[in-house]
Amino acid sequence: MVTPPESPAPSAEEWAAKAADAVESALDTVHDKVVRPALLAGRAVVLGVIIAVVGIVVLILLAVAFVRLLDVYAFGGRVWASDALIGTVGCVGGFLLWSLRSRRSSEG
């Protein structure tokens, strides 16, 4: 029977390099599996909040501009007329949405 030649024992420098490579590999795996998705989710949440706040501000500014245009140009300073028009449009829209609602089935 032929025995393979024995390899020399690894030196301390080789052990240190292997240990450093193992730690680096473990950290890369953790970063790829945990840290990166958490960072992406955090960025998405922050960006979503910023977009929502900017959208709300834009909608409010457009509503104010619309009311001002009605007050000044459409009704010549008669604020009650623009308020009545916007209220009527809101009520009609609400009635339409109310009529389109789905009925709950009664259980029981």
PDB file of N, CA and C in Angstrom:
ATOM      1  N   MET A   1       0.823  -1.145   0.000  1.00  0.00           N
ATOM      2  CA  MET A   1       0.000   0.000   0.000  1.00  0.00           C
ATOM      3  C   MET A   1       0.891   1.241   0.000  1.00  0.00           C
ATOM      4  N   VAL A   2       0.504   2.189  -0.841  1.00  0.00           N
ATOM      5  CA  VAL A   2       1.304   3.391  -0.982  1.00  0.00           C
ATOM      6  C   VAL A   2       0.649   4.495  -0.176  1.00  0.00           C
ATOM      7  N   THR A   3       1.385   5.123   0.645  1.00  0.00           N
ATOM      8  CA  THR A   3       0.843   6.235   1.435  1.00  0.00           C
ATOM      9  C   THR A   3       1.258   7.535   0.783  1.00  0.00           C
ATOM     10  N   PRO A   4       0.315   8.466   0.737  1.00  0.00           N
ATOM     11  CA  PRO A   4       0.679   9.752   0.125  1.00  0.00           C
ATOM     12  C   PRO A   4       1.661  10.487   1.016  1.00  0.00           C
ATOM     13  N   PRO A   5       2.451  11.302   0.383  1.00  0.00           N
ATOM     14  CA  PRO A   5       3.403  12.057   1.209  1.00  0.00           C
ATOM     15  C   PRO A   5       2.647  13.062   2.068  1.00  0.00           C
ATOM     16  N   GLU A   6       3.130  13.199   3.252  1.00  0.00           N
ATOM     17  CA  GLU A   6       2.474  14.126   4.180  1.00  0.00           C
ATOM     18  C   GLU A   6       2.800  15.556   3.788  1.00  0.00           C
ATOM     19  N   SER A   7       1.707  16.405   3.814  1.00  0.00           N
ATOM     20  CA  SER A   7       1.941  17.805   3.503  1.00  0.00           C
ATOM     21  C   SER A   7       2.407  18.496   4.771  1.00  0.00           C
ATOM     22  N   PRO A   8       3.220  19.489   4.608  1.00  0.00           N
ATOM     23  CA  PRO A   8       3.699  20.168   5.813  1.00  0.00           C
ATOM     24  C   PRO A   8       2.542  20.895   6.489  1.00  0.00           C
ATOM     25  N   ALA A   9       2.605  21.061   7.766  1.00  0.00           N
ATOM     26  CA  ALA A   9       1.565  21.761   8.532  1.00  0.00           C
ATOM     27  C   ALA A   9       1.511  23.211   8.081  1.00  0.00           C
ATOM     28  N   PRO A  10       0.251  23.746   7.959  1.00  0.00           N
ATOM     29  CA  PRO A  10       0.161  25.145   7.526  1.00  0.00           C
ATOM     30  C   PRO A  10       0.779  26.082   8.546  1.00  0.00           C
ATOM     31  N   SER A  11       1.352  27.128   8.010  1.00  0.00           N
ATOM     32  CA  SER A  11       2.008  28.095   8.903  1.00  0.00           C
ATOM     33  C   SER A  11       0.960  29.028   9.503  1.00  0.00           C
ATOM     34  N   ALA A  12       1.404  29.801  10.461  1.00  0.00           N
ATOM     35  CA  ALA A  12       0.499  30.736  11.141  1.00  0.00           C
ATOM     36  C   ALA A  12      -0.034  31.781  10.170  1.00  0.00           C
ATOM     37  N   GLU A  13       0.766  32.166   9.203  1.00  0.00           N
ATOM     38  CA  GLU A  13       0.316  33.161   8.222  1.00  0.00           C
ATOM     39  C   GLU A  13      -0.791  32.600   7.339  1.00  0.00           C
ATOM     40  N   GLU A  14      -0.690  31.317   6.978  1.00  0.00           N
ATOM     41  CA  GLU A  14      -1.730  30.699   6.166  1.00  0.00           C
ATOM     42  C   GLU A  14      -3.030  30.580   6.953  1.00  0.00           C
ATOM     43  N   TRP A  15      -2.907  30.229   8.253  1.00  0.00           N
ATOM     44  CA  TRP A  15      -4.110  30.148   9.099  1.00  0.00           C
ATOM     45  C   TRP A  15      -4.779  31.522   9.203  1.00  0.00           C
ATOM     46  N   ALA A  16      -3.984  32.545   9.373  1.00  0.00           N
ATOM     47  CA  ALA A  16      -4.530  33.899   9.488  1.00  0.00           C
ATOM     48  C   ALA A  16      -5.216  34.320   8.192  1.00  0.00           C
ATOM     49  N   ALA A  17      -4.636  33.983   7.065  1.00  0.00           N
ATOM     50  CA  ALA A  17      -5.232  34.341   5.775  1.00  0.00           C
ATOM     51  C   ALA A  17      -6.538  33.594   5.560  1.00  0.00           C
ATOM     52  N   LYS A  18      -6.536  32.285   5.935  1.00  0.00           N
ATOM     53  CA  LYS A  18      -7.771  31.506   5.789  1.00  0.00           C
ATOM     54  C   LYS A  18      -8.864  32.042   6.717  1.00  0.00           C
ATOM     55  N   ALA A  19      -8.508  32.398   7.935  1.00  0.00           N
ATOM     56  CA  ALA A  19      -9.487  32.932   8.885  1.00  0.00           C
ATOM     57  C   ALA A  19     -10.036  34.275   8.393  1.00  0.00           C
ATOM     58  N   ALA A  20      -9.157  35.118   7.876  1.00  0.00           N
ATOM     59  CA  ALA A  20      -9.605  36.408   7.356  1.00  0.00           C
ATOM     60  C   ALA A  20     -10.525  36.224   6.157  1.00  0.00           C
ATOM     61  N   ASP A  21     -10.193  35.276   5.289  1.00  0.00           N
ATOM     62  CA  ASP A  21     -11.066  34.995   4.143  1.00  0.00           C
ATOM     63  C   ASP A  21     -12.428  34.474   4.579  1.00  0.00           C
ATOM     64  N   ALA A  22     -12.444  33.624   5.601  1.00  0.00           N
ATOM     65  CA  ALA A  22     -13.713  33.093   6.101  1.00  0.00           C
ATOM     66  C   ALA A  22     -14.574  34.191   6.710  1.00  0.00           C
ATOM     67  N   VAL A  23     -13.949  35.076   7.483  1.00  0.00           N
ATOM     68  CA  VAL A  23     -14.699  36.196   8.083  1.00  0.00           C
ATOM     69  C   VAL A  23     -15.224  37.113   6.994  1.00  0.00           C
ATOM     70  N   GLU A  24     -14.406  37.417   6.010  1.00  0.00           N
ATOM     71  CA  GLU A  24     -14.839  38.285   4.921  1.00  0.00           C
ATOM     72  C   GLU A  24     -15.982  37.653   4.133  1.00  0.00           C
ATOM     73  N   SER A  25     -15.905  36.367   3.894  1.00  0.00           N
ATOM     74  CA  SER A  25     -16.978  35.665   3.192  1.00  0.00           C
ATOM     75  C   SER A  25     -18.276  35.703   4.000  1.00  0.00           C
ATOM     76  N   ALA A  26     -18.179  35.487   5.298  1.00  0.00           N
ATOM     77  CA  ALA A  26     -19.374  35.529   6.151  1.00  0.00           C
ATOM     78  C   ALA A  26     -19.981  36.929   6.165  1.00  0.00           C
ATOM     79  N   LEU A  27     -19.153  37.946   6.272  1.00  0.00           N
ATOM     80  CA  LEU A  27     -19.663  39.324   6.276  1.00  0.00           C
ATOM     81  C   LEU A  27     -20.291  39.691   4.933  1.00  0.00           C
ATOM     82  N   ASP A  28     -19.693  39.243   3.845  1.00  0.00           N
ATOM     83  CA  ASP A  28     -20.290  39.502   2.526  1.00  0.00           C
ATOM     84  C   ASP A  28     -21.660  38.839   2.397  1.00  0.00           C
ATOM     85  N   THR A  29     -21.762  37.618   2.913  1.00  0.00           N
ATOM     86  CA  THR A  29     -23.041  36.906   2.854  1.00  0.00           C
ATOM     87  C   THR A  29     -24.104  37.633   3.677  1.00  0.00           C
ATOM     88  N   VAL A  30     -23.735  38.044   4.894  1.00  0.00           N
ATOM     89  CA  VAL A  30     -24.686  38.772   5.749  1.00  0.00           C
ATOM     90  C   VAL A  30     -25.098  40.079   5.089  1.00  0.00           C
ATOM     91  N   HIS A  31     -24.141  40.784   4.503  1.00  0.00           N
ATOM     92  CA  HIS A  31     -24.457  42.054   3.845  1.00  0.00           C
ATOM     93  C   HIS A  31     -25.420  41.841   2.682  1.00  0.00           C
ATOM     94  N   ASP A  32     -25.159  40.817   1.875  1.00  0.00           N
ATOM     95  CA  ASP A  32     -26.008  40.562   0.708  1.00  0.00           C
ATOM     96  C   ASP A  32     -27.403  40.087   1.092  1.00  0.00           C
ATOM     97  N   LYS A  33     -27.515  39.324   2.174  1.00  0.00           N
ATOM     98  CA  LYS A  33     -28.804  38.720   2.545  1.00  0.00           C
ATOM     99  C   LYS A  33     -29.628  39.587   3.484  1.00  0.00           C
ATOM    100  N   VAL A  34     -28.992  40.418   4.321  1.00  0.00           N
ATOM    101  CA  VAL A  34     -29.724  41.145   5.362  1.00  0.00           C
ATOM    102  C   VAL A  34     -29.622  42.659   5.188  1.00  0.00           C
ATOM    103  N   VAL A  35     -28.415  43.154   5.149  1.00  0.00           N
ATOM    104  CA  VAL A  35     -28.205  44.607   5.195  1.00  0.00           C
ATOM    105  C   VAL A  35     -28.694  45.281   3.923  1.00  0.00           C
ATOM    106  N   ARG A  36     -28.358  44.745   2.770  1.00  0.00           N
ATOM    107  CA  ARG A  36     -28.759  45.385   1.507  1.00  0.00           C
ATOM    108  C   ARG A  36     -30.273  45.448   1.350  1.00  0.00           C
ATOM    109  N   PRO A  37     -31.037  44.353   1.576  1.00  0.00           N
ATOM    110  CA  PRO A  37     -32.498  44.475   1.487  1.00  0.00           C
ATOM    111  C   PRO A  37     -33.082  45.457   2.510  1.00  0.00           C
ATOM    112  N   ALA A  38     -32.503  45.512   3.709  1.00  0.00           N
ATOM    113  CA  ALA A  38     -32.996  46.464   4.707  1.00  0.00           C
ATOM    114  C   ALA A  38     -32.750  47.900   4.260  1.00  0.00           C
ATOM    115  N   LEU A  39     -31.603  48.161   3.682  1.00  0.00           N
ATOM    116  CA  LEU A  39     -31.316  49.499   3.164  1.00  0.00           C
ATOM    117  C   LEU A  39     -32.269  49.873   2.034  1.00  0.00           C
ATOM    118  N   LEU A  40     -32.517  48.937   1.134  1.00  0.00           N
ATOM    119  CA  LEU A  40     -33.434  49.209   0.022  1.00  0.00           C
ATOM    120  C   LEU A  40     -34.853  49.468   0.530  1.00  0.00           C
ATOM    121  N   ALA A  41     -35.295  48.703   1.515  1.00  0.00           N
ATOM    122  CA  ALA A  41     -36.626  48.921   2.077  1.00  0.00           C
ATOM    123  C   ALA A  41     -36.708  50.270   2.777  1.00  0.00           C
ATOM    124  N   GLY A  42     -35.678  50.628   3.512  1.00  0.00           N
ATOM    125  CA  GLY A  42     -35.663  51.933   4.173  1.00  0.00           C
ATOM    126  C   GLY A  42     -35.706  53.085   3.183  1.00  0.00           C
ATOM    127  N   ARG A  43     -34.946  52.957   2.127  1.00  0.00           N
ATOM    128  CA  ARG A  43     -34.964  53.995   1.092  1.00  0.00           C
ATOM    129  C   ARG A  43     -36.341  54.099   0.443  1.00  0.00           C
ATOM    130  N   ALA A  44     -36.970  52.959   0.204  1.00  0.00           N
ATOM    131  CA  ALA A  44     -38.300  52.975  -0.416  1.00  0.00           C
ATOM    132  C   ALA A  44     -39.321  53.641   0.500  1.00  0.00           C
ATOM    133  N   VAL A  45     -39.245  53.369   1.795  1.00  0.00           N
ATOM    134  CA  VAL A  45     -40.189  53.981   2.742  1.00  0.00           C
ATOM    135  C   VAL A  45     -39.986  55.494   2.784  1.00  0.00           C
ATOM    136  N   VAL A  46     -38.742  55.920   2.888  1.00  0.00           N
ATOM    137  CA  VAL A  46     -38.466  57.363   2.955  1.00  0.00           C
ATOM    138  C   VAL A  46     -38.903  58.053   1.667  1.00  0.00           C
ATOM    139  N   LEU A  47     -38.604  57.465   0.532  1.00  0.00           N
ATOM    140  CA  LEU A  47     -39.002  58.058  -0.742  1.00  0.00           C
ATOM    141  C   LEU A  47     -40.525  58.098  -0.871  1.00  0.00           C
ATOM    142  N   GLY A  48     -41.208  57.056  -0.418  1.00  0.00           N
ATOM    143  CA  GLY A  48     -42.667  57.046  -0.458  1.00  0.00           C
ATOM    144  C   GLY A  48     -43.275  58.134   0.408  1.00  0.00           C
ATOM    145  N   VAL A  49     -42.709  58.345   1.600  1.00  0.00           N
ATOM    146  CA  VAL A  49     -43.220  59.410   2.472  1.00  0.00           C
ATOM    147  C   VAL A  49     -42.998  60.774   1.832  1.00  0.00           C
ATOM    148  N   ILE A  50     -41.831  60.979   1.256  1.00  0.00           N
ATOM    149  CA  ILE A  50     -41.545  62.266   0.607  1.00  0.00           C
ATOM    150  C   ILE A  50     -42.506  62.496  -0.556  1.00  0.00           C
ATOM    151  N   ILE A  51     -42.740  61.482  -1.369  1.00  0.00           N
ATOM    152  CA  ILE A  51     -43.655  61.628  -2.499  1.00  0.00           C
ATOM    153  C   ILE A  51     -45.072  61.906  -2.013  1.00  0.00           C
ATOM    154  N   ALA A  52     -45.502  61.239  -0.950  1.00  0.00           N
ATOM    155  CA  ALA A  52     -46.847  61.467  -0.418  1.00  0.00           C
ATOM    156  C   ALA A  52     -47.007  62.890   0.101  1.00  0.00           C
ATOM    157  N   VAL A  53     -46.023  63.386   0.834  1.00  0.00           N
ATOM    158  CA  VAL A  53     -46.108  64.746   1.371  1.00  0.00           C
ATOM    159  C   VAL A  53     -46.127  65.770   0.243  1.00  0.00           C
ATOM    160  N   VAL A  54     -45.260  65.600  -0.739  1.00  0.00           N
ATOM    161  CA  VAL A  54     -45.231  66.538  -1.869  1.00  0.00           C
ATOM    162  C   VAL A  54     -46.547  66.473  -2.640  1.00  0.00           C
ATOM    163  N   GLY A  55     -47.096  65.267  -2.816  1.00  0.00           N
ATOM    164  CA  GLY A  55     -48.379  65.132  -3.505  1.00  0.00           C
ATOM    165  C   GLY A  55     -49.512  65.828  -2.778  1.00  0.00           C
ATOM    166  N   ILE A  56     -49.552  65.692  -1.465  1.00  0.00           N
ATOM    167  CA  ILE A  56     -50.595  66.355  -0.676  1.00  0.00           C
ATOM    168  C   ILE A  56     -50.461  67.870  -0.788  1.00  0.00           C
ATOM    169  N   VAL A  57     -49.240  68.371  -0.711  1.00  0.00           N
ATOM    170  CA  VAL A  57     -49.020  69.821  -0.824  1.00  0.00           C
ATOM    171  C   VAL A  57     -49.460  70.319  -2.193  1.00  0.00           C
ATOM    172  N   VAL A  58     -49.132  69.582  -3.242  1.00  0.00           N
ATOM    173  CA  VAL A  58     -49.528  69.992  -4.595  1.00  0.00           C
ATOM    174  C   VAL A  58     -51.046  69.993  -4.737  1.00  0.00           C
ATOM    175  N   LEU A  59     -51.721  68.957  -4.204  1.00  0.00           N
ATOM    176  CA  LEU A  59     -53.184  68.924  -4.272  1.00  0.00           C
ATOM    177  C   LEU A  59     -53.813  70.098  -3.529  1.00  0.00           C
ATOM    178  N   ILE A  60     -53.289  70.440  -2.375  1.00  0.00           N
ATOM    179  CA  ILE A  60     -53.824  71.576  -1.621  1.00  0.00           C
ATOM    180  C   ILE A  60     -53.612  72.871  -2.391  1.00  0.00           C
ATOM    181  N   LEU A  61     -52.424  73.043  -2.957  1.00  0.00           N
ATOM    182  CA  LEU A  61     -52.162  74.260  -3.731  1.00  0.00           C
ATOM    183  C   LEU A  61     -53.063  74.355  -4.964  1.00  0.00           C
ATOM    184  N   LEU A  62     -53.304  73.236  -5.624  1.00  0.00           N
ATOM    185  CA  LEU A  62     -54.202  73.255  -6.779  1.00  0.00           C
ATOM    186  C   LEU A  62     -55.637  73.581  -6.364  1.00  0.00           C
ATOM    187  N   ALA A  63     -56.079  73.055  -5.241  1.00  0.00           N
ATOM    188  CA  ALA A  63     -57.434  73.355  -4.767  1.00  0.00           C
ATOM    189  C   ALA A  63     -57.575  74.838  -4.425  1.00  0.00           C
ATOM    190  N   VAL A  64     -56.575  75.390  -3.746  1.00  0.00           N
ATOM    191  CA  VAL A  64     -56.619  76.819  -3.399  1.00  0.00           C
ATOM    192  C   VAL A  64     -56.599  77.670  -4.667  1.00  0.00           C
ATOM    193  N   ALA A  65     -55.759  77.303  -5.631  1.00  0.00           N
ATOM    194  CA  ALA A  65     -55.695  78.061  -6.887  1.00  0.00           C
ATOM    195  C   ALA A  65     -57.022  77.989  -7.631  1.00  0.00           C
ATOM    196  N   PHE A  66     -57.674  76.827  -7.625  1.00  0.00           N
ATOM    197  CA  PHE A  66     -58.958  76.677  -8.301  1.00  0.00           C
ATOM    198  C   PHE A  66     -60.024  77.565  -7.654  1.00  0.00           C
ATOM    199  N   VAL A  67     -60.071  77.578  -6.332  1.00  0.00           N
ATOM    200  CA  VAL A  67     -61.045  78.417  -5.629  1.00  0.00           C
ATOM    201  C   VAL A  67     -60.763  79.896  -5.898  1.00  0.00           C
ATOM    202  N   ARG A  68     -59.502  80.274  -5.876  1.00  0.00           N
ATOM    203  CA  ARG A  68     -59.161  81.679  -6.155  1.00  0.00           C
ATOM    204  C   ARG A  68     -59.545  82.068  -7.586  1.00  0.00           C
ATOM    205  N   LEU A  69     -59.311  81.174  -8.540  1.00  0.00           N
ATOM    206  CA  LEU A  69     -59.711  81.468  -9.918  1.00  0.00           C
ATOM    207  C   LEU A  69     -61.227  81.634 -10.030  1.00  0.00           C
ATOM    208  N   LEU A  70     -61.966  80.761  -9.361  1.00  0.00           N
ATOM    209  CA  LEU A  70     -63.425  80.903  -9.380  1.00  0.00           C
ATOM    210  C   LEU A  70     -63.862  82.207  -8.735  1.00  0.00           C
ATOM    211  N   ASP A  71     -63.261  82.538  -7.578  1.00  0.00           N
ATOM    212  CA  ASP A  71     -63.643  83.758  -6.862  1.00  0.00           C
ATOM    213  C   ASP A  71     -63.372  85.009  -7.691  1.00  0.00           C
ATOM    214  N   VAL A  72     -62.195  85.074  -8.270  1.00  0.00           N
ATOM    215  CA  VAL A  72     -61.774  86.314  -8.922  1.00  0.00           C
ATOM    216  C   VAL A  72     -62.310  86.413 -10.343  1.00  0.00           C
ATOM    217  N   TYR A  73     -62.189  85.357 -11.134  1.00  0.00           N
ATOM    218  CA  TYR A  73     -62.497  85.469 -12.554  1.00  0.00           C
ATOM    219  C   TYR A  73     -63.895  84.981 -12.930  1.00  0.00           C
ATOM    220  N   ALA A  74     -64.340  83.878 -12.355  1.00  0.00           N
ATOM    221  CA  ALA A  74     -65.625  83.318 -12.771  1.00  0.00           C
ATOM    222  C   ALA A  74     -66.800  84.051 -12.149  1.00  0.00           C
ATOM    223  N   PHE A  75     -66.707  84.406 -10.867  1.00  0.00           N
ATOM    224  CA  PHE A  75     -67.853  84.992 -10.174  1.00  0.00           C
ATOM    225  C   PHE A  75     -67.621  86.425  -9.723  1.00  0.00           C
ATOM    226  N   GLY A  76     -66.527  87.019 -10.113  1.00  0.00           N
ATOM    227  CA  GLY A  76     -66.292  88.437  -9.863  1.00  0.00           C
ATOM    228  C   GLY A  76     -66.315  88.833  -8.389  1.00  0.00           C
ATOM    229  N   GLY A  77     -65.678  88.086  -7.531  1.00  0.00           N
ATOM    230  CA  GLY A  77     -65.589  88.453  -6.127  1.00  0.00           C
ATOM    231  C   GLY A  77     -66.713  87.908  -5.268  1.00  0.00           C
ATOM    232  N   ARG A  78     -67.618  87.161  -5.821  1.00  0.00           N
ATOM    233  CA  ARG A  78     -68.704  86.566  -5.030  1.00  0.00           C
ATOM    234  C   ARG A  78     -68.241  85.210  -4.519  1.00  0.00           C
ATOM    235  N   VAL A  79     -67.713  85.203  -3.324  1.00  0.00           N
ATOM    236  CA  VAL A  79     -67.139  83.995  -2.757  1.00  0.00           C
ATOM    237  C   VAL A  79     -68.215  82.939  -2.533  1.00  0.00           C
ATOM    238  N   TRP A  80     -69.404  83.377  -2.159  1.00  0.00           N
ATOM    239  CA  TRP A  80     -70.474  82.420  -1.871  1.00  0.00           C
ATOM    240  C   TRP A  80     -70.822  81.588  -3.096  1.00  0.00           C
ATOM    241  N   ALA A  81     -70.679  82.173  -4.304  1.00  0.00           N
ATOM    242  CA  ALA A  81     -71.013  81.437  -5.523  1.00  0.00           C
ATOM    243  C   ALA A  81     -69.999  80.317  -5.788  1.00  0.00           C
ATOM    244  N   SER A  82     -68.726  80.613  -5.603  1.00  0.00           N
ATOM    245  CA  SER A  82     -67.729  79.557  -5.807  1.00  0.00           C
ATOM    246  C   SER A  82     -67.848  78.489  -4.727  1.00  0.00           C
ATOM    247  N   ASP A  83     -68.146  78.889  -3.485  1.00  0.00           N
ATOM    248  CA  ASP A  83     -68.366  77.900  -2.430  1.00  0.00           C
ATOM    249  C   ASP A  83     -69.575  77.024  -2.747  1.00  0.00           C
ATOM    250  N   ALA A  84     -70.633  77.620  -3.254  1.00  0.00           N
ATOM    251  CA  ALA A  84     -71.830  76.851  -3.598  1.00  0.00           C
ATOM    252  C   ALA A  84     -71.544  75.886  -4.743  1.00  0.00           C
ATOM    253  N   LEU A  85     -70.787  76.342  -5.761  1.00  0.00           N
ATOM    254  CA  LEU A  85     -70.452  75.469  -6.886  1.00  0.00           C
ATOM    255  C   LEU A  85     -69.608  74.283  -6.426  1.00  0.00           C
ATOM    256  N   ILE A  86     -68.573  74.538  -5.636  1.00  0.00           N
ATOM    257  CA  ILE A  86     -67.702  73.457  -5.163  1.00  0.00           C
ATOM    258  C   ILE A  86     -68.475  72.517  -4.236  1.00  0.00           C
ATOM    259  N   GLY A  87     -69.337  73.052  -3.390  1.00  0.00           N
ATOM    260  CA  GLY A  87     -70.154  72.212  -2.524  1.00  0.00           C
ATOM    261  C   GLY A  87     -71.115  71.340  -3.309  1.00  0.00           C
ATOM    262  N   THR A  88     -71.703  71.900  -4.349  1.00  0.00           N
ATOM    263  CA  THR A  88     -72.626  71.123  -5.181  1.00  0.00           C
ATOM    264  C   THR A  88     -71.895  69.998  -5.900  1.00  0.00           C
ATOM    265  N   VAL A  89     -70.733  70.320  -6.463  1.00  0.00           N
ATOM    266  CA  VAL A  89     -69.946  69.288  -7.158  1.00  0.00           C
ATOM    267  C   VAL A  89     -69.544  68.193  -6.168  1.00  0.00           C
ATOM    268  N   GLY A  90     -69.149  68.572  -4.954  1.00  0.00           N
ATOM    269  CA  GLY A  90     -68.781  67.579  -3.946  1.00  0.00           C
ATOM    270  C   GLY A  90     -69.949  66.703  -3.542  1.00  0.00           C
ATOM    271  N   CYS A  91     -71.118  67.314  -3.359  1.00  0.00           N
ATOM    272  CA  CYS A  91     -72.299  66.534  -2.979  1.00  0.00           C
ATOM    273  C   CYS A  91     -72.728  65.584  -4.091  1.00  0.00           C
ATOM    274  N   VAL A  92     -72.738  66.061  -5.329  1.00  0.00           N
ATOM    275  CA  VAL A  92     -73.118  65.198  -6.445  1.00  0.00           C
ATOM    276  C   VAL A  92     -72.132  64.033  -6.570  1.00  0.00           C
ATOM    277  N   GLY A  93     -70.845  64.325  -6.437  1.00  0.00           N
ATOM    278  CA  GLY A  93     -69.849  63.256  -6.480  1.00  0.00           C
ATOM    279  C   GLY A  93     -70.033  62.263  -5.345  1.00  0.00           C
ATOM    280  N   GLY A  94     -70.334  62.761  -4.162  1.00  0.00           N
ATOM    281  CA  GLY A  94     -70.580  61.870  -3.035  1.00  0.00           C
ATOM    282  C   GLY A  94     -71.806  61.004  -3.235  1.00  0.00           C
ATOM    283  N   PHE A  95     -72.873  61.598  -3.765  1.00  0.00           N
ATOM    284  CA  PHE A  95     -74.077  60.809  -4.043  1.00  0.00           C
ATOM    285  C   PHE A  95     -73.814  59.731  -5.092  1.00  0.00           C
ATOM    286  N   LEU A  96     -73.038  60.066  -6.123  1.00  0.00           N
ATOM    287  CA  LEU A  96     -72.705  59.066  -7.145  1.00  0.00           C
ATOM    288  C   LEU A  96     -71.888  57.926  -6.555  1.00  0.00           C
ATOM    289  N   LEU A  97     -70.886  58.259  -5.755  1.00  0.00           N
ATOM    290  CA  LEU A  97     -70.084  57.212  -5.138  1.00  0.00           C
ATOM    291  C   LEU A  97     -70.908  56.375  -4.164  1.00  0.00           C
ATOM    292  N   TRP A  98     -71.828  57.019  -3.444  1.00  0.00           N
ATOM    293  CA  TRP A  98     -72.682  56.297  -2.503  1.00  0.00           C
ATOM    294  C   TRP A  98     -73.591  55.311  -3.244  1.00  0.00           C
ATOM    295  N   SER A  99     -74.078  55.725  -4.411  1.00  0.00           N
ATOM    296  CA  SER A  99     -74.963  54.833  -5.163  1.00  0.00           C
ATOM    297  C   SER A  99     -74.202  53.663  -5.793  1.00  0.00           C
ATOM    298  N   LEU A 100     -72.889  53.797  -5.993  1.00  0.00           N
ATOM    299  CA  LEU A 100     -72.091  52.745  -6.595  1.00  0.00           C
ATOM    300  C   LEU A 100     -71.482  51.788  -5.576  1.00  0.00           C
ATOM    301  N   ARG A 101     -71.708  52.022  -4.298  1.00  0.00           N
ATOM    302  CA  ARG A 101     -71.088  51.192  -3.272  1.00  0.00           C
ATOM    303  C   ARG A 101     -71.623  49.765  -3.347  1.00  0.00           C
ATOM    304  N   SER A 102     -70.847  48.839  -2.861  1.00  0.00           N
ATOM    305  CA  SER A 102     -71.295  47.443  -2.831  1.00  0.00           C
ATOM    306  C   SER A 102     -71.952  47.167  -1.490  1.00  0.00           C
ATOM    307  N   ARG A 103     -72.975  46.407  -1.510  1.00  0.00           N
ATOM    308  CA  ARG A 103     -73.697  46.079  -0.285  1.00  0.00           C
ATOM    309  C   ARG A 103     -73.037  44.893   0.394  1.00  0.00           C
ATOM    310  N   ARG A 104     -72.989  44.942   1.709  1.00  0.00           N
ATOM    311  CA  ARG A 104     -72.452  43.826   2.468  1.00  0.00           C
ATOM    312  C   ARG A 104     -73.505  42.732   2.570  1.00  0.00           C
ATOM    313  N   SER A 105     -73.042  41.514   2.501  1.00  0.00           N
ATOM    314  CA  SER A 105     -73.989  40.412   2.680  1.00  0.00           C
ATOM    315  C   SER A 105     -74.216  40.243   4.178  1.00  0.00           C
ATOM    316  N   SER A 106     -75.461  40.058   4.566  1.00  0.00           N
ATOM    317  CA  SER A 106     -75.775  39.931   5.987  1.00  0.00           C
ATOM    318  C   SER A 106     -75.507  38.494   6.416  1.00  0.00           C
ATOM    319  N   GLU A 107     -74.676  38.379   7.429  1.00  0.00           N
ATOM    320  CA  GLU A 107     -74.339  37.065   7.953  1.00  0.00           C
ATOM    321  C   GLU A 107     -75.098  36.857   9.225  1.00  0.00           C
ATOM    322  N   GLY A 108     -75.730  35.732   9.342  1.00  0.00           N
ATOM    323  CA  GLY A 108     -76.252  35.470  10.511  1.00  0.00           C
ATOM    324  C   GLY A 108     -77.340  35.165  11.235  1.00  0.00           C
TER     325      GLY A 108
END
